[in-house]
Amino acid sequence: MDFKELGKEIATLRKMKKISQKELSENLHISRATISSFENGNSVDIGLKKVLQIIDYLGFEFALKEKTEFPVFEDILNER
């Protein structure tokens, strides 16, 4: 997932929680224009700290996990 996809995912979560960009902006002291730009994938200048604040406000958390390789069809066949 890149920053563009993250912005779009956050927009989806925000709408699901019925939270407006205005509410988010006022409570987190981030301009509505910055939030809108981020959600539309037009800005990567928002910074990780602000992204984490948004994620927390929406009731989610950011977690790192180790990458896993998804098996390809040949791997599944070889397991038989």
N, C-alpha and C. Protein backbone atom coordinates (compact mmCIF):
# COMPACT_ATOMS: atom_id res chain seq x y z
N MET A 1 0.85 -1.17 0.00
CA MET A 1 0.00 0.00 0.00
C MET A 1 0.89 1.24 0.00
N ASP A 2 0.61 2.16 -0.91
CA ASP A 2 1.36 3.40 -0.92
C ASP A 2 0.55 4.51 -0.25
N PHE A 3 1.12 5.71 -0.18
CA PHE A 3 0.48 6.82 0.52
C PHE A 3 -0.85 7.21 -0.13
N LYS A 4 -0.92 7.10 -1.47
CA LYS A 4 -2.17 7.40 -2.18
C LYS A 4 -3.28 6.45 -1.74
N GLU A 5 -2.95 5.17 -1.73
CA GLU A 5 -3.93 4.15 -1.33
C GLU A 5 -4.33 4.33 0.13
N LEU A 6 -3.37 4.70 0.97
CA LEU A 6 -3.65 4.92 2.38
C LEU A 6 -4.64 6.07 2.56
N GLY A 7 -4.44 7.14 1.82
CA GLY A 7 -5.36 8.27 1.89
C GLY A 7 -6.77 7.88 1.51
N LYS A 8 -6.90 7.10 0.46
CA LYS A 8 -8.23 6.66 0.02
C LYS A 8 -8.86 5.71 1.04
N GLU A 9 -8.06 4.87 1.64
CA GLU A 9 -8.56 3.95 2.67
C GLU A 9 -9.04 4.73 3.90
N ILE A 10 -8.28 5.75 4.28
CA ILE A 10 -8.68 6.58 5.42
C ILE A 10 -9.98 7.31 5.11
N ALA A 11 -10.15 7.78 3.88
CA ALA A 11 -11.41 8.44 3.49
C ALA A 11 -12.58 7.48 3.65
N THR A 12 -12.39 6.24 3.23
CA THR A 12 -13.43 5.22 3.36
C THR A 12 -13.79 4.98 4.82
N LEU A 13 -12.76 4.85 5.66
CA LEU A 13 -13.00 4.62 7.10
C LEU A 13 -13.68 5.82 7.74
N ARG A 14 -13.27 7.01 7.36
CA ARG A 14 -13.86 8.23 7.92
C ARG A 14 -15.35 8.30 7.57
N LYS A 15 -15.67 8.02 6.32
CA LYS A 15 -17.07 8.05 5.89
C LYS A 15 -17.88 6.96 6.58
N MET A 16 -17.27 5.80 6.76
CA MET A 16 -17.94 4.69 7.45
C MET A 16 -18.31 5.10 8.88
N LYS A 17 -17.44 5.89 9.51
CA LYS A 17 -17.66 6.35 10.89
C LYS A 17 -18.53 7.61 10.94
N LYS A 18 -18.95 8.09 9.75
CA LYS A 18 -19.78 9.29 9.63
C LYS A 18 -19.12 10.52 10.27
N ILE A 19 -17.83 10.66 10.00
CA ILE A 19 -17.06 11.80 10.48
C ILE A 19 -16.71 12.66 9.27
N SER A 20 -17.02 13.94 9.35
CA SER A 20 -16.74 14.84 8.23
C SER A 20 -15.28 15.28 8.25
N GLN A 21 -14.83 15.74 7.10
CA GLN A 21 -13.48 16.30 7.04
C GLN A 21 -13.38 17.52 7.95
N LYS A 22 -14.47 18.28 8.04
CA LYS A 22 -14.49 19.47 8.89
C LYS A 22 -14.28 19.08 10.35
N GLU A 23 -15.00 18.05 10.81
CA GLU A 23 -14.85 17.59 12.20
C GLU A 23 -13.42 17.13 12.46
N LEU A 24 -12.89 16.36 11.55
CA LEU A 24 -11.51 15.87 11.68
C LEU A 24 -10.54 17.05 11.74
N SER A 25 -10.75 17.99 10.86
CA SER A 25 -9.89 19.17 10.79
C SER A 25 -9.92 19.97 12.09
N GLU A 26 -11.11 20.21 12.60
CA GLU A 26 -11.25 21.02 13.82
C GLU A 26 -10.67 20.32 15.04
N ASN A 27 -10.87 19.03 15.15
CA ASN A 27 -10.42 18.30 16.33
C ASN A 27 -8.92 17.99 16.32
N LEU A 28 -8.34 17.87 15.14
CA LEU A 28 -6.92 17.52 15.05
C LEU A 28 -6.04 18.71 14.65
N HIS A 29 -6.68 19.85 14.38
CA HIS A 29 -5.95 21.05 13.98
C HIS A 29 -5.09 20.81 12.73
N ILE A 30 -5.72 20.13 11.78
CA ILE A 30 -5.13 19.90 10.46
C ILE A 30 -6.09 20.55 9.47
N SER A 31 -5.59 21.31 8.54
CA SER A 31 -6.50 22.01 7.63
C SER A 31 -7.35 21.01 6.83
N ARG A 32 -8.59 21.42 6.55
CA ARG A 32 -9.48 20.56 5.78
C ARG A 32 -8.91 20.34 4.38
N ALA A 33 -8.23 21.34 3.85
CA ALA A 33 -7.61 21.21 2.52
C ALA A 33 -6.53 20.12 2.53
N THR A 34 -5.76 20.05 3.61
CA THR A 34 -4.72 19.02 3.73
C THR A 34 -5.35 17.64 3.79
N ILE A 35 -6.41 17.51 4.58
CA ILE A 35 -7.11 16.22 4.71
C ILE A 35 -7.70 15.81 3.36
N SER A 36 -8.35 16.75 2.69
CA SER A 36 -8.95 16.47 1.39
C SER A 36 -7.90 16.04 0.37
N SER A 37 -6.80 16.77 0.33
CA SER A 37 -5.71 16.43 -0.59
C SER A 37 -5.18 15.04 -0.33
N PHE A 38 -4.96 14.74 0.94
CA PHE A 38 -4.44 13.42 1.33
C PHE A 38 -5.41 12.32 0.92
N GLU A 39 -6.70 12.50 1.23
CA GLU A 39 -7.69 11.48 0.92
C GLU A 39 -7.85 11.26 -0.58
N ASN A 40 -7.60 12.30 -1.36
CA ASN A 40 -7.73 12.19 -2.81
C ASN A 40 -6.44 11.76 -3.49
N GLY A 41 -5.42 11.49 -2.69
CA GLY A 41 -4.16 11.01 -3.24
C GLY A 41 -3.33 12.08 -3.91
N ASN A 42 -3.63 13.35 -3.61
CA ASN A 42 -2.92 14.45 -4.26
C ASN A 42 -1.76 15.00 -3.45
N SER A 43 -1.61 14.58 -2.21
CA SER A 43 -0.56 15.16 -1.38
C SER A 43 0.08 14.10 -0.50
N VAL A 44 1.38 14.09 -0.51
CA VAL A 44 2.10 13.21 0.41
C VAL A 44 2.86 14.06 1.43
N ASP A 45 2.52 15.36 1.48
CA ASP A 45 3.19 16.28 2.39
C ASP A 45 2.59 16.28 3.79
N ILE A 46 1.63 15.43 4.04
CA ILE A 46 0.91 15.46 5.31
C ILE A 46 1.79 15.00 6.48
N GLY A 47 2.69 14.11 6.25
CA GLY A 47 3.57 13.63 7.31
C GLY A 47 2.97 12.49 8.11
N LEU A 48 3.83 11.62 8.57
CA LEU A 48 3.39 10.42 9.28
C LEU A 48 2.70 10.75 10.60
N LYS A 49 3.18 11.75 11.32
CA LYS A 49 2.58 12.11 12.61
C LYS A 49 1.10 12.46 12.45
N LYS A 50 0.79 13.26 11.45
CA LYS A 50 -0.61 13.64 11.22
C LYS A 50 -1.44 12.44 10.77
N VAL A 51 -0.87 11.60 9.94
CA VAL A 51 -1.58 10.40 9.49
C VAL A 51 -1.92 9.52 10.70
N LEU A 52 -0.96 9.35 11.60
CA LEU A 52 -1.20 8.54 12.80
C LEU A 52 -2.26 9.17 13.69
N GLN A 53 -2.30 10.51 13.76
CA GLN A 53 -3.34 11.19 14.54
C GLN A 53 -4.72 10.91 13.94
N ILE A 54 -4.82 10.96 12.62
CA ILE A 54 -6.09 10.69 11.94
C ILE A 54 -6.53 9.26 12.20
N ILE A 55 -5.61 8.33 12.03
CA ILE A 55 -5.92 6.91 12.25
C ILE A 55 -6.42 6.69 13.67
N ASP A 56 -5.75 7.29 14.64
CA ASP A 56 -6.14 7.16 16.05
C ASP A 56 -7.52 7.78 16.28
N TYR A 57 -7.77 8.94 15.73
CA TYR A 57 -9.06 9.62 15.90
C TYR A 57 -10.20 8.76 15.36
N LEU A 58 -9.94 8.06 14.27
CA LEU A 58 -10.96 7.21 13.67
C LEU A 58 -11.16 5.89 14.42
N GLY A 59 -10.33 5.67 15.45
CA GLY A 59 -10.48 4.47 16.27
C GLY A 59 -9.73 3.26 15.75
N PHE A 60 -8.70 3.52 14.96
CA PHE A 60 -7.88 2.43 14.44
C PHE A 60 -6.45 2.61 14.92
N GLU A 61 -5.63 1.63 14.67
CA GLU A 61 -4.22 1.75 15.02
C GLU A 61 -3.38 1.31 13.84
N PHE A 62 -2.19 1.82 13.80
CA PHE A 62 -1.23 1.49 12.76
C PHE A 62 -0.34 0.39 13.30
N ALA A 63 -0.22 -0.69 12.57
CA ALA A 63 0.60 -1.81 13.05
C ALA A 63 1.52 -2.28 11.93
N LEU A 64 2.74 -2.55 12.30
CA LEU A 64 3.70 -3.12 11.36
C LEU A 64 3.71 -4.63 11.53
N LYS A 65 3.78 -5.33 10.42
CA LYS A 65 3.89 -6.78 10.51
C LYS A 65 4.88 -7.25 9.47
N GLU A 66 5.45 -8.38 9.73
CA GLU A 66 6.43 -8.94 8.82
C GLU A 66 5.77 -9.33 7.51
N LYS A 67 6.46 -9.07 6.43
CA LYS A 67 5.94 -9.45 5.12
C LYS A 67 5.86 -10.97 5.03
N THR A 68 4.83 -11.44 4.38
CA THR A 68 4.72 -12.86 4.11
C THR A 68 4.60 -13.05 2.61
N GLU A 69 5.14 -14.13 2.15
CA GLU A 69 5.02 -14.44 0.73
C GLU A 69 3.75 -15.24 0.52
N PHE A 70 2.96 -14.77 -0.42
CA PHE A 70 1.76 -15.52 -0.75
C PHE A 70 2.15 -16.64 -1.71
N PRO A 71 1.63 -17.82 -1.49
CA PRO A 71 1.99 -18.92 -2.38
C PRO A 71 1.44 -18.70 -3.78
N VAL A 72 2.21 -19.10 -4.76
CA VAL A 72 1.72 -19.08 -6.13
C VAL A 72 1.18 -20.47 -6.44
N PHE A 73 0.48 -20.60 -7.53
CA PHE A 73 -0.17 -21.85 -7.88
C PHE A 73 0.80 -23.03 -7.85
N GLU A 74 2.01 -22.81 -8.37
CA GLU A 74 3.01 -23.89 -8.41
C GLU A 74 3.40 -24.35 -7.00
N ASP A 75 3.50 -23.41 -6.05
CA ASP A 75 3.83 -23.77 -4.67
C ASP A 75 2.76 -24.66 -4.07
N ILE A 76 1.52 -24.35 -4.35
CA ILE A 76 0.41 -25.14 -3.81
C ILE A 76 0.43 -26.54 -4.41
N LEU A 77 0.70 -26.65 -5.70
CA LEU A 77 0.79 -27.96 -6.35
C LEU A 77 1.93 -28.79 -5.78
N ASN A 78 3.05 -28.15 -5.47
CA ASN A 78 4.21 -28.86 -4.93
C ASN A 78 3.98 -29.38 -3.51
N GLU A 79 3.02 -28.81 -2.81
CA GLU A 79 2.72 -29.26 -1.44
C GLU A 79 1.99 -30.60 -1.43
N ARG A 80 1.44 -30.99 -2.54
CA ARG A 80 0.66 -32.24 -2.61
C ARG A 80 1.53 -33.44 -2.64
